[in-house]
Amino acid sequence: MAFTVIQKKDKDPKDIVPDYSLDTLGEPCPYPAITMLETMPQLQPGEILELLSDCAQSINNIPVDTQNHGYTLLSVEQDGTKLRYLIQR
């Protein structure tokens, strides 16, 4: 995939290797956010989750939910309708 970086925190997303990947492509909102919030507590501190979504509303929900629950959004990338989030516990 040829994602374009929309937002990044420190490192370039291509230099970050996620520990886990969660594919929610085809799932309507709020499913991607709910699934992310159910998955994140299972990660160890410092581990990174890659979340893939094609729900347009997730661009608003995921960053807010990530911050509200104390996780770090490392990057947001877009490839057409597909969004890729890198979230650190």
PDB file of N, CA and C in Angstrom:
ATOM      1  N   MET A   1       0.840  -1.181   0.000  1.00  0.00           N
ATOM      2  CA  MET A   1       0.000   0.000   0.000  1.00  0.00           C
ATOM      3  C   MET A   1       0.882   1.239   0.000  1.00  0.00           C
ATOM      4  N   ALA A   2       0.407   2.275  -0.618  1.00  0.00           N
ATOM      5  CA  ALA A   2       1.158   3.525  -0.684  1.00  0.00           C
ATOM      6  C   ALA A   2       0.450   4.576   0.161  1.00  0.00           C
ATOM      7  N   PHE A   3       0.630   4.480   1.449  1.00  0.00           N
ATOM      8  CA  PHE A   3      -0.019   5.427   2.346  1.00  0.00           C
ATOM      9  C   PHE A   3       0.691   6.773   2.322  1.00  0.00           C
ATOM     10  N   THR A   4      -0.089   7.839   2.473  1.00  0.00           N
ATOM     11  CA  THR A   4       0.427   9.185   2.612  1.00  0.00           C
ATOM     12  C   THR A   4       0.283   9.585   4.075  1.00  0.00           C
ATOM     13  N   VAL A   5       1.336  10.109   4.660  1.00  0.00           N
ATOM     14  CA  VAL A   5       1.306  10.490   6.063  1.00  0.00           C
ATOM     15  C   VAL A   5       0.441  11.733   6.248  1.00  0.00           C
ATOM     16  N   ILE A   6      -0.546  11.622   7.120  1.00  0.00           N
ATOM     17  CA  ILE A   6      -1.403  12.753   7.453  1.00  0.00           C
ATOM     18  C   ILE A   6      -0.897  13.399   8.735  1.00  0.00           C
ATOM     19  N   GLN A   7      -0.501  12.563   9.675  1.00  0.00           N
ATOM     20  CA  GLN A   7      -0.038  13.056  10.967  1.00  0.00           C
ATOM     21  C   GLN A   7       1.018  12.098  11.492  1.00  0.00           C
ATOM     22  N   LYS A   8       2.080  12.621  12.076  1.00  0.00           N
ATOM     23  CA  LYS A   8       3.058  11.762  12.726  1.00  0.00           C
ATOM     24  C   LYS A   8       3.572  12.465  13.963  1.00  0.00           C
ATOM     25  N   LYS A   9       3.959  11.666  14.951  1.00  0.00           N
ATOM     26  CA  LYS A   9       4.433  12.225  16.201  1.00  0.00           C
ATOM     27  C   LYS A   9       5.939  12.463  16.159  1.00  0.00           C
ATOM     28  N   ASP A  10       6.726  11.403  16.139  1.00  0.00           N
ATOM     29  CA  ASP A  10       8.179  11.549  16.170  1.00  0.00           C
ATOM     30  C   ASP A  10       8.840  10.887  14.965  1.00  0.00           C
ATOM     31  N   LYS A  11       8.744   9.571  14.929  1.00  0.00           N
ATOM     32  CA  LYS A  11       9.385   8.797  13.861  1.00  0.00           C
ATOM     33  C   LYS A  11       8.541   8.796  12.600  1.00  0.00           C
ATOM     34  N   ASP A  12       9.205   8.541  11.486  1.00  0.00           N
ATOM     35  CA  ASP A  12       8.494   8.321  10.234  1.00  0.00           C
ATOM     36  C   ASP A  12       7.765   6.985  10.363  1.00  0.00           C
ATOM     37  N   PRO A  13       6.487   6.910   9.987  1.00  0.00           N
ATOM     38  CA  PRO A  13       5.731   5.660  10.135  1.00  0.00           C
ATOM     39  C   PRO A  13       6.387   4.448   9.487  1.00  0.00           C
ATOM     40  N   LYS A  14       7.131   4.643   8.403  1.00  0.00           N
ATOM     41  CA  LYS A  14       7.770   3.493   7.742  1.00  0.00           C
ATOM     42  C   LYS A  14       8.883   2.905   8.608  1.00  0.00           C
ATOM     43  N   ASP A  15       9.352   3.659   9.609  1.00  0.00           N
ATOM     44  CA  ASP A  15      10.393   3.176  10.513  1.00  0.00           C
ATOM     45  C   ASP A  15       9.824   2.505  11.760  1.00  0.00           C
ATOM     46  N   ILE A  16       8.503   2.488  11.894  1.00  0.00           N
ATOM     47  CA  ILE A  16       7.853   1.902  13.063  1.00  0.00           C
ATOM     48  C   ILE A  16       7.331   0.514  12.700  1.00  0.00           C
ATOM     49  N   VAL A  17       7.703  -0.477  13.484  1.00  0.00           N
ATOM     50  CA  VAL A  17       7.228  -1.841  13.270  1.00  0.00           C
ATOM     51  C   VAL A  17       6.181  -2.143  14.346  1.00  0.00           C
ATOM     52  N   PRO A  18       4.903  -2.264  13.936  1.00  0.00           N
ATOM     53  CA  PRO A  18       3.869  -2.542  14.934  1.00  0.00           C
ATOM     54  C   PRO A  18       3.996  -3.956  15.497  1.00  0.00           C
ATOM     55  N   ASP A  19       3.601  -4.113  16.748  1.00  0.00           N
ATOM     56  CA  ASP A  19       3.607  -5.427  17.382  1.00  0.00           C
ATOM     57  C   ASP A  19       2.379  -6.231  16.976  1.00  0.00           C
ATOM     58  N   TYR A  20       1.282  -5.541  16.720  1.00  0.00           N
ATOM     59  CA  TYR A  20       0.015  -6.180  16.363  1.00  0.00           C
ATOM     60  C   TYR A  20      -0.675  -5.384  15.268  1.00  0.00           C
ATOM     61  N   SER A  21      -1.506  -6.067  14.483  1.00  0.00           N
ATOM     62  CA  SER A  21      -2.274  -5.410  13.433  1.00  0.00           C
ATOM     63  C   SER A  21      -3.738  -5.792  13.585  1.00  0.00           C
ATOM     64  N   LEU A  22      -4.599  -4.816  13.445  1.00  0.00           N
ATOM     65  CA  LEU A  22      -6.040  -5.013  13.569  1.00  0.00           C
ATOM     66  C   LEU A  22      -6.679  -4.477  12.292  1.00  0.00           C
ATOM     67  N   ASP A  23      -7.253  -5.371  11.492  1.00  0.00           N
ATOM     68  CA  ASP A  23      -7.845  -5.011  10.206  1.00  0.00           C
ATOM     69  C   ASP A  23      -9.351  -4.870  10.365  1.00  0.00           C
ATOM     70  N   THR A  24      -9.840  -3.635  10.312  1.00  0.00           N
ATOM     71  CA  THR A  24     -11.284  -3.389  10.405  1.00  0.00           C
ATOM     72  C   THR A  24     -11.829  -2.843   9.088  1.00  0.00           C
ATOM     73  N   LEU A  25     -11.120  -3.121   7.996  1.00  0.00           N
ATOM     74  CA  LEU A  25     -11.584  -2.666   6.680  1.00  0.00           C
ATOM     75  C   LEU A  25     -12.952  -3.273   6.388  1.00  0.00           C
ATOM     76  N   GLY A  26     -13.881  -2.436   5.943  1.00  0.00           N
ATOM     77  CA  GLY A  26     -15.236  -2.887   5.649  1.00  0.00           C
ATOM     78  C   GLY A  26     -16.187  -2.792   6.822  1.00  0.00           C
ATOM     79  N   GLU A  27     -15.655  -2.506   8.000  1.00  0.00           N
ATOM     80  CA  GLU A  27     -16.505  -2.386   9.198  1.00  0.00           C
ATOM     81  C   GLU A  27     -16.946  -0.936   9.381  1.00  0.00           C
ATOM     82  N   PRO A  28     -18.236  -0.709   9.634  1.00  0.00           N
ATOM     83  CA  PRO A  28     -18.716   0.661   9.826  1.00  0.00           C
ATOM     84  C   PRO A  28     -18.336   1.209  11.198  1.00  0.00           C
ATOM     85  N   CYS A  29     -18.285   2.517  11.301  1.00  0.00           N
ATOM     86  CA  CYS A  29     -18.055   3.154  12.591  1.00  0.00           C
ATOM     87  C   CYS A  29     -19.294   2.917  13.456  1.00  0.00           C
ATOM     88  N   PRO A  30     -19.138   2.748  14.722  1.00  0.00           N
ATOM     89  CA  PRO A  30     -17.948   2.942  15.551  1.00  0.00           C
ATOM     90  C   PRO A  30     -17.139   1.673  15.778  1.00  0.00           C
ATOM     91  N   TYR A  31     -17.365   0.607  14.995  1.00  0.00           N
ATOM     92  CA  TYR A  31     -16.684  -0.665  15.210  1.00  0.00           C
ATOM     93  C   TYR A  31     -15.155  -0.540  15.284  1.00  0.00           C
ATOM     94  N   PRO A  32     -14.482   0.189  14.376  1.00  0.00           N
ATOM     95  CA  PRO A  32     -13.024   0.293  14.495  1.00  0.00           C
ATOM     96  C   PRO A  32     -12.565   0.870  15.842  1.00  0.00           C
ATOM     97  N   ALA A  33     -13.256   1.888  16.320  1.00  0.00           N
ATOM     98  CA  ALA A  33     -12.876   2.505  17.599  1.00  0.00           C
ATOM     99  C   ALA A  33     -13.152   1.554  18.763  1.00  0.00           C
ATOM    100  N   ILE A  34     -14.287   0.884  18.735  1.00  0.00           N
ATOM    101  CA  ILE A  34     -14.633  -0.048  19.805  1.00  0.00           C
ATOM    102  C   ILE A  34     -13.626  -1.193  19.849  1.00  0.00           C
ATOM    103  N   THR A  35     -13.295  -1.733  18.693  1.00  0.00           N
ATOM    104  CA  THR A  35     -12.340  -2.838  18.620  1.00  0.00           C
ATOM    105  C   THR A  35     -10.965  -2.401  19.110  1.00  0.00           C
ATOM    106  N   MET A  36     -10.559  -1.197  18.731  1.00  0.00           N
ATOM    107  CA  MET A  36      -9.271  -0.672  19.182  1.00  0.00           C
ATOM    108  C   MET A  36      -9.262  -0.536  20.701  1.00  0.00           C
ATOM    109  N   LEU A  37     -10.330   0.016  21.263  1.00  0.00           N
ATOM    110  CA  LEU A  37     -10.391   0.216  22.715  1.00  0.00           C
ATOM    111  C   LEU A  37     -10.461  -1.105  23.477  1.00  0.00           C
ATOM    112  N   GLU A  38     -11.032  -2.140  22.873  1.00  0.00           N
ATOM    113  CA  GLU A  38     -11.065  -3.459  23.514  1.00  0.00           C
ATOM    114  C   GLU A  38      -9.709  -4.161  23.422  1.00  0.00           C
ATOM    115  N   THR A  39      -8.940  -3.852  22.384  1.00  0.00           N
ATOM    116  CA  THR A  39      -7.658  -4.505  22.150  1.00  0.00           C
ATOM    117  C   THR A  39      -6.517  -3.874  22.939  1.00  0.00           C
ATOM    118  N   MET A  40      -6.494  -2.560  23.041  1.00  0.00           N
ATOM    119  CA  MET A  40      -5.354  -1.852  23.634  1.00  0.00           C
ATOM    120  C   MET A  40      -4.989  -2.309  25.049  1.00  0.00           C
ATOM    121  N   PRO A  41      -5.939  -2.584  25.945  1.00  0.00           N
ATOM    122  CA  PRO A  41      -5.542  -3.024  27.293  1.00  0.00           C
ATOM    123  C   PRO A  41      -4.783  -4.354  27.309  1.00  0.00           C
ATOM    124  N   GLN A  42      -4.886  -5.142  26.247  1.00  0.00           N
ATOM    125  CA  GLN A  42      -4.191  -6.427  26.173  1.00  0.00           C
ATOM    126  C   GLN A  42      -2.715  -6.259  25.809  1.00  0.00           C
ATOM    127  N   LEU A  43      -2.337  -5.085  25.285  1.00  0.00           N
ATOM    128  CA  LEU A  43      -0.955  -4.813  24.909  1.00  0.00           C
ATOM    129  C   LEU A  43      -0.142  -4.458  26.143  1.00  0.00           C
ATOM    130  N   GLN A  44       1.148  -4.741  26.073  1.00  0.00           N
ATOM    131  CA  GLN A  44       2.066  -4.331  27.135  1.00  0.00           C
ATOM    132  C   GLN A  44       2.440  -2.864  26.910  1.00  0.00           C
ATOM    133  N   PRO A  45       2.756  -2.124  27.974  1.00  0.00           N
ATOM    134  CA  PRO A  45       3.187  -0.735  27.791  1.00  0.00           C
ATOM    135  C   PRO A  45       4.333  -0.650  26.783  1.00  0.00           C
ATOM    136  N   GLY A  46       4.204   0.275  25.838  1.00  0.00           N
ATOM    137  CA  GLY A  46       5.218   0.473  24.807  1.00  0.00           C
ATOM    138  C   GLY A  46       4.925  -0.267  23.513  1.00  0.00           C
ATOM    139  N   GLU A  47       4.057  -1.287  23.561  1.00  0.00           N
ATOM    140  CA  GLU A  47       3.736  -2.019  22.339  1.00  0.00           C
ATOM    141  C   GLU A  47       2.859  -1.169  21.429  1.00  0.00           C
ATOM    142  N   ILE A  48       2.916  -1.483  20.123  1.00  0.00           N
ATOM    143  CA  ILE A  48       2.253  -0.664  19.113  1.00  0.00           C
ATOM    144  C   ILE A  48       1.230  -1.493  18.350  1.00  0.00           C
ATOM    145  N   LEU A  49       0.055  -0.914  18.169  1.00  0.00           N
ATOM    146  CA  LEU A  49      -1.029  -1.523  17.397  1.00  0.00           C
ATOM    147  C   LEU A  49      -1.186  -0.770  16.087  1.00  0.00           C
ATOM    148  N   GLU A  50      -1.238  -1.507  14.994  1.00  0.00           N
ATOM    149  CA  GLU A  50      -1.576  -0.948  13.694  1.00  0.00           C
ATOM    150  C   GLU A  50      -3.069  -1.204  13.486  1.00  0.00           C
ATOM    151  N   LEU A  51      -3.838  -0.155  13.251  1.00  0.00           N
ATOM    152  CA  LEU A  51      -5.274  -0.270  13.011  1.00  0.00           C
ATOM    153  C   LEU A  51      -5.556   0.183  11.590  1.00  0.00           C
ATOM    154  N   LEU A  52      -6.178  -0.690  10.800  1.00  0.00           N
ATOM    155  CA  LEU A  52      -6.567  -0.363   9.431  1.00  0.00           C
ATOM    156  C   LEU A  52      -8.072  -0.173   9.387  1.00  0.00           C
ATOM    157  N   SER A  53      -8.517   0.913   8.758  1.00  0.00           N
ATOM    158  CA  SER A  53      -9.935   1.223   8.687  1.00  0.00           C
ATOM    159  C   SER A  53     -10.227   1.936   7.372  1.00  0.00           C
ATOM    160  N   ASP A  54     -11.453   1.761   6.881  1.00  0.00           N
ATOM    161  CA  ASP A  54     -11.895   2.543   5.730  1.00  0.00           C
ATOM    162  C   ASP A  54     -13.169   3.312   6.064  1.00  0.00           C
ATOM    163  N   CYS A  55     -13.444   3.428   7.350  1.00  0.00           N
ATOM    164  CA  CYS A  55     -14.586   4.220   7.811  1.00  0.00           C
ATOM    165  C   CYS A  55     -14.147   5.684   7.896  1.00  0.00           C
ATOM    166  N   ALA A  56     -14.776   6.536   7.119  1.00  0.00           N
ATOM    167  CA  ALA A  56     -14.379   7.953   7.065  1.00  0.00           C
ATOM    168  C   ALA A  56     -14.477   8.641   8.422  1.00  0.00           C
ATOM    169  N   GLN A  57     -15.432   8.252   9.244  1.00  0.00           N
ATOM    170  CA  GLN A  57     -15.600   8.883  10.553  1.00  0.00           C
ATOM    171  C   GLN A  57     -14.479   8.537  11.523  1.00  0.00           C
ATOM    172  N   SER A  58     -13.744   7.465  11.244  1.00  0.00           N
ATOM    173  CA  SER A  58     -12.679   7.064  12.167  1.00  0.00           C
ATOM    174  C   SER A  58     -11.583   8.124  12.261  1.00  0.00           C
ATOM    175  N   ILE A  59     -11.434   8.944  11.237  1.00  0.00           N
ATOM    176  CA  ILE A  59     -10.422  10.005  11.272  1.00  0.00           C
ATOM    177  C   ILE A  59     -10.705  10.997  12.397  1.00  0.00           C
ATOM    178  N   ASN A  60     -11.957  11.084  12.815  1.00  0.00           N
ATOM    179  CA  ASN A  60     -12.327  11.934  13.947  1.00  0.00           C
ATOM    180  C   ASN A  60     -12.331  11.148  15.253  1.00  0.00           C
ATOM    181  N   ASN A  61     -12.841   9.918  15.218  1.00  0.00           N
ATOM    182  CA  ASN A  61     -13.025   9.129  16.442  1.00  0.00           C
ATOM    183  C   ASN A  61     -11.731   8.552  17.014  1.00  0.00           C
ATOM    184  N   ILE A  62     -10.919   7.948  16.180  1.00  0.00           N
ATOM    185  CA  ILE A  62      -9.727   7.248  16.672  1.00  0.00           C
ATOM    186  C   ILE A  62      -8.761   8.185  17.401  1.00  0.00           C
ATOM    187  N   PRO A  63      -8.395   9.347  16.834  1.00  0.00           N
ATOM    188  CA  PRO A  63      -7.486  10.232  17.581  1.00  0.00           C
ATOM    189  C   PRO A  63      -8.046  10.681  18.932  1.00  0.00           C
ATOM    190  N   VAL A  64      -9.330  10.994  18.991  1.00  0.00           N
ATOM    191  CA  VAL A  64      -9.945  11.447  20.242  1.00  0.00           C
ATOM    192  C   VAL A  64      -9.995  10.311  21.260  1.00  0.00           C
ATOM    193  N   ASP A  65     -10.455   9.131  20.822  1.00  0.00           N
ATOM    194  CA  ASP A  65     -10.528   7.983  21.732  1.00  0.00           C
ATOM    195  C   ASP A  65      -9.152   7.575  22.227  1.00  0.00           C
ATOM    196  N   THR A  66      -8.154   7.643  21.343  1.00  0.00           N
ATOM    197  CA  THR A  66      -6.782   7.307  21.725  1.00  0.00           C
ATOM    198  C   THR A  66      -6.305   8.226  22.845  1.00  0.00           C
ATOM    199  N   GLN A  67      -6.486   9.510  22.662  1.00  0.00           N
ATOM    200  CA  GLN A  67      -6.044  10.483  23.665  1.00  0.00           C
ATOM    201  C   GLN A  67      -6.837  10.358  24.960  1.00  0.00           C
ATOM    202  N   ASN A  68      -8.149  10.198  24.844  1.00  0.00           N
ATOM    203  CA  ASN A  68      -8.998  10.113  26.029  1.00  0.00           C
ATOM    204  C   ASN A  68      -8.695   8.899  26.910  1.00  0.00           C
ATOM    205  N   HIS A  69      -8.123   7.850  26.328  1.00  0.00           N
ATOM    206  CA  HIS A  69      -7.820   6.639  27.089  1.00  0.00           C
ATOM    207  C   HIS A  69      -6.334   6.522  27.438  1.00  0.00           C
ATOM    208  N   GLY A  70      -5.567   7.574  27.174  1.00  0.00           N
ATOM    209  CA  GLY A  70      -4.178   7.616  27.609  1.00  0.00           C
ATOM    210  C   GLY A  70      -3.191   6.901  26.705  1.00  0.00           C
ATOM    211  N   TYR A  71      -3.576   6.628  25.464  1.00  0.00           N
ATOM    212  CA  TYR A  71      -2.674   5.988  24.515  1.00  0.00           C
ATOM    213  C   TYR A  71      -2.034   7.066  23.636  1.00  0.00           C
ATOM    214  N   THR A  72      -0.992   6.706  22.907  1.00  0.00           N
ATOM    215  CA  THR A  72      -0.280   7.658  22.065  1.00  0.00           C
ATOM    216  C   THR A  72      -0.519   7.325  20.597  1.00  0.00           C
ATOM    217  N   LEU A  73      -1.057   8.283  19.868  1.00  0.00           N
ATOM    218  CA  LEU A  73      -1.248   8.130  18.429  1.00  0.00           C
ATOM    219  C   LEU A  73       0.057   8.537  17.752  1.00  0.00           C
ATOM    220  N   LEU A  74       0.770   7.546  17.221  1.00  0.00           N
ATOM    221  CA  LEU A  74       2.074   7.807  16.611  1.00  0.00           C
ATOM    222  C   LEU A  74       1.952   8.343  15.201  1.00  0.00           C
ATOM    223  N   SER A  75       0.942   7.857  14.446  1.00  0.00           N
ATOM    224  CA  SER A  75       0.763   8.362  13.089  1.00  0.00           C
ATOM    225  C   SER A  75      -0.607   8.007  12.549  1.00  0.00           C
ATOM    226  N   VAL A  76      -1.009   8.794  11.551  1.00  0.00           N
ATOM    227  CA  VAL A  76      -2.213   8.535  10.766  1.00  0.00           C
ATOM    228  C   VAL A  76      -1.783   8.653   9.314  1.00  0.00           C
ATOM    229  N   GLU A  77      -2.104   7.625   8.530  1.00  0.00           N
ATOM    230  CA  GLU A  77      -1.757   7.622   7.112  1.00  0.00           C
ATOM    231  C   GLU A  77      -3.005   7.292   6.307  1.00  0.00           C
ATOM    232  N   GLN A  78      -3.022   7.753   5.064  1.00  0.00           N
ATOM    233  CA  GLN A  78      -4.179   7.511   4.201  1.00  0.00           C
ATOM    234  C   GLN A  78      -3.740   7.045   2.832  1.00  0.00           C
ATOM    235  N   ASP A  79      -4.475   6.057   2.297  1.00  0.00           N
ATOM    236  CA  ASP A  79      -4.285   5.560   0.939  1.00  0.00           C
ATOM    237  C   ASP A  79      -5.680   5.425   0.348  1.00  0.00           C
ATOM    238  N   GLY A  80      -6.114   6.433  -0.407  1.00  0.00           N
ATOM    239  CA  GLY A  80      -7.489   6.446  -0.912  1.00  0.00           C
ATOM    240  C   GLY A  80      -8.458   6.517   0.254  1.00  0.00           C
ATOM    241  N   THR A  81      -9.315   5.514   0.375  1.00  0.00           N
ATOM    242  CA  THR A  81     -10.281   5.495   1.486  1.00  0.00           C
ATOM    243  C   THR A  81      -9.744   4.745   2.696  1.00  0.00           C
ATOM    244  N   LYS A  82      -8.573   4.124   2.576  1.00  0.00           N
ATOM    245  CA  LYS A  82      -8.001   3.344   3.673  1.00  0.00           C
ATOM    246  C   LYS A  82      -7.176   4.230   4.588  1.00  0.00           C
ATOM    247  N   LEU A  83      -7.370   4.037   5.879  1.00  0.00           N
ATOM    248  CA  LEU A  83      -6.627   4.769   6.893  1.00  0.00           C
ATOM    249  C   LEU A  83      -5.815   3.776   7.711  1.00  0.00           C
ATOM    250  N   ARG A  84      -4.613   4.177   8.078  1.00  0.00           N
ATOM    251  CA  ARG A  84      -3.736   3.348   8.913  1.00  0.00           C
ATOM    252  C   ARG A  84      -3.307   4.184  10.109  1.00  0.00           C
ATOM    253  N   TYR A  85      -3.616   3.650  11.297  1.00  0.00           N
ATOM    254  CA  TYR A  85      -3.254   4.315  12.541  1.00  0.00           C
ATOM    255  C   TYR A  85      -2.196   3.474  13.256  1.00  0.00           C
ATOM    256  N   LEU A  86      -1.198   4.113  13.821  1.00  0.00           N
ATOM    257  CA  LEU A  86      -0.233   3.451  14.678  1.00  0.00           C
ATOM    258  C   LEU A  86      -0.430   4.022  16.073  1.00  0.00           C
ATOM    259  N   ILE A  87      -0.807   3.141  17.007  1.00  0.00           N
ATOM    260  CA  ILE A  87      -1.177   3.561  18.355  1.00  0.00           C
ATOM    261  C   ILE A  87      -0.311   2.812  19.360  1.00  0.00           C
ATOM    262  N   GLN A  88       0.289   3.551  20.267  1.00  0.00           N
ATOM    263  CA  GLN A  88       1.171   2.950  21.273  1.00  0.00           C
ATOM    264  C   GLN A  88       0.491   2.939  22.625  1.00  0.00           C
ATOM    265  N   ARG A  89       0.615   1.799  23.299  1.00  0.00           N
ATOM    266  CA  ARG A  89       0.075   1.722  24.662  1.00  0.00           C
ATOM    267  C   ARG A  89       1.101   2.303  25.601  1.00  0.00           C
TER     268      ARG A  89
END
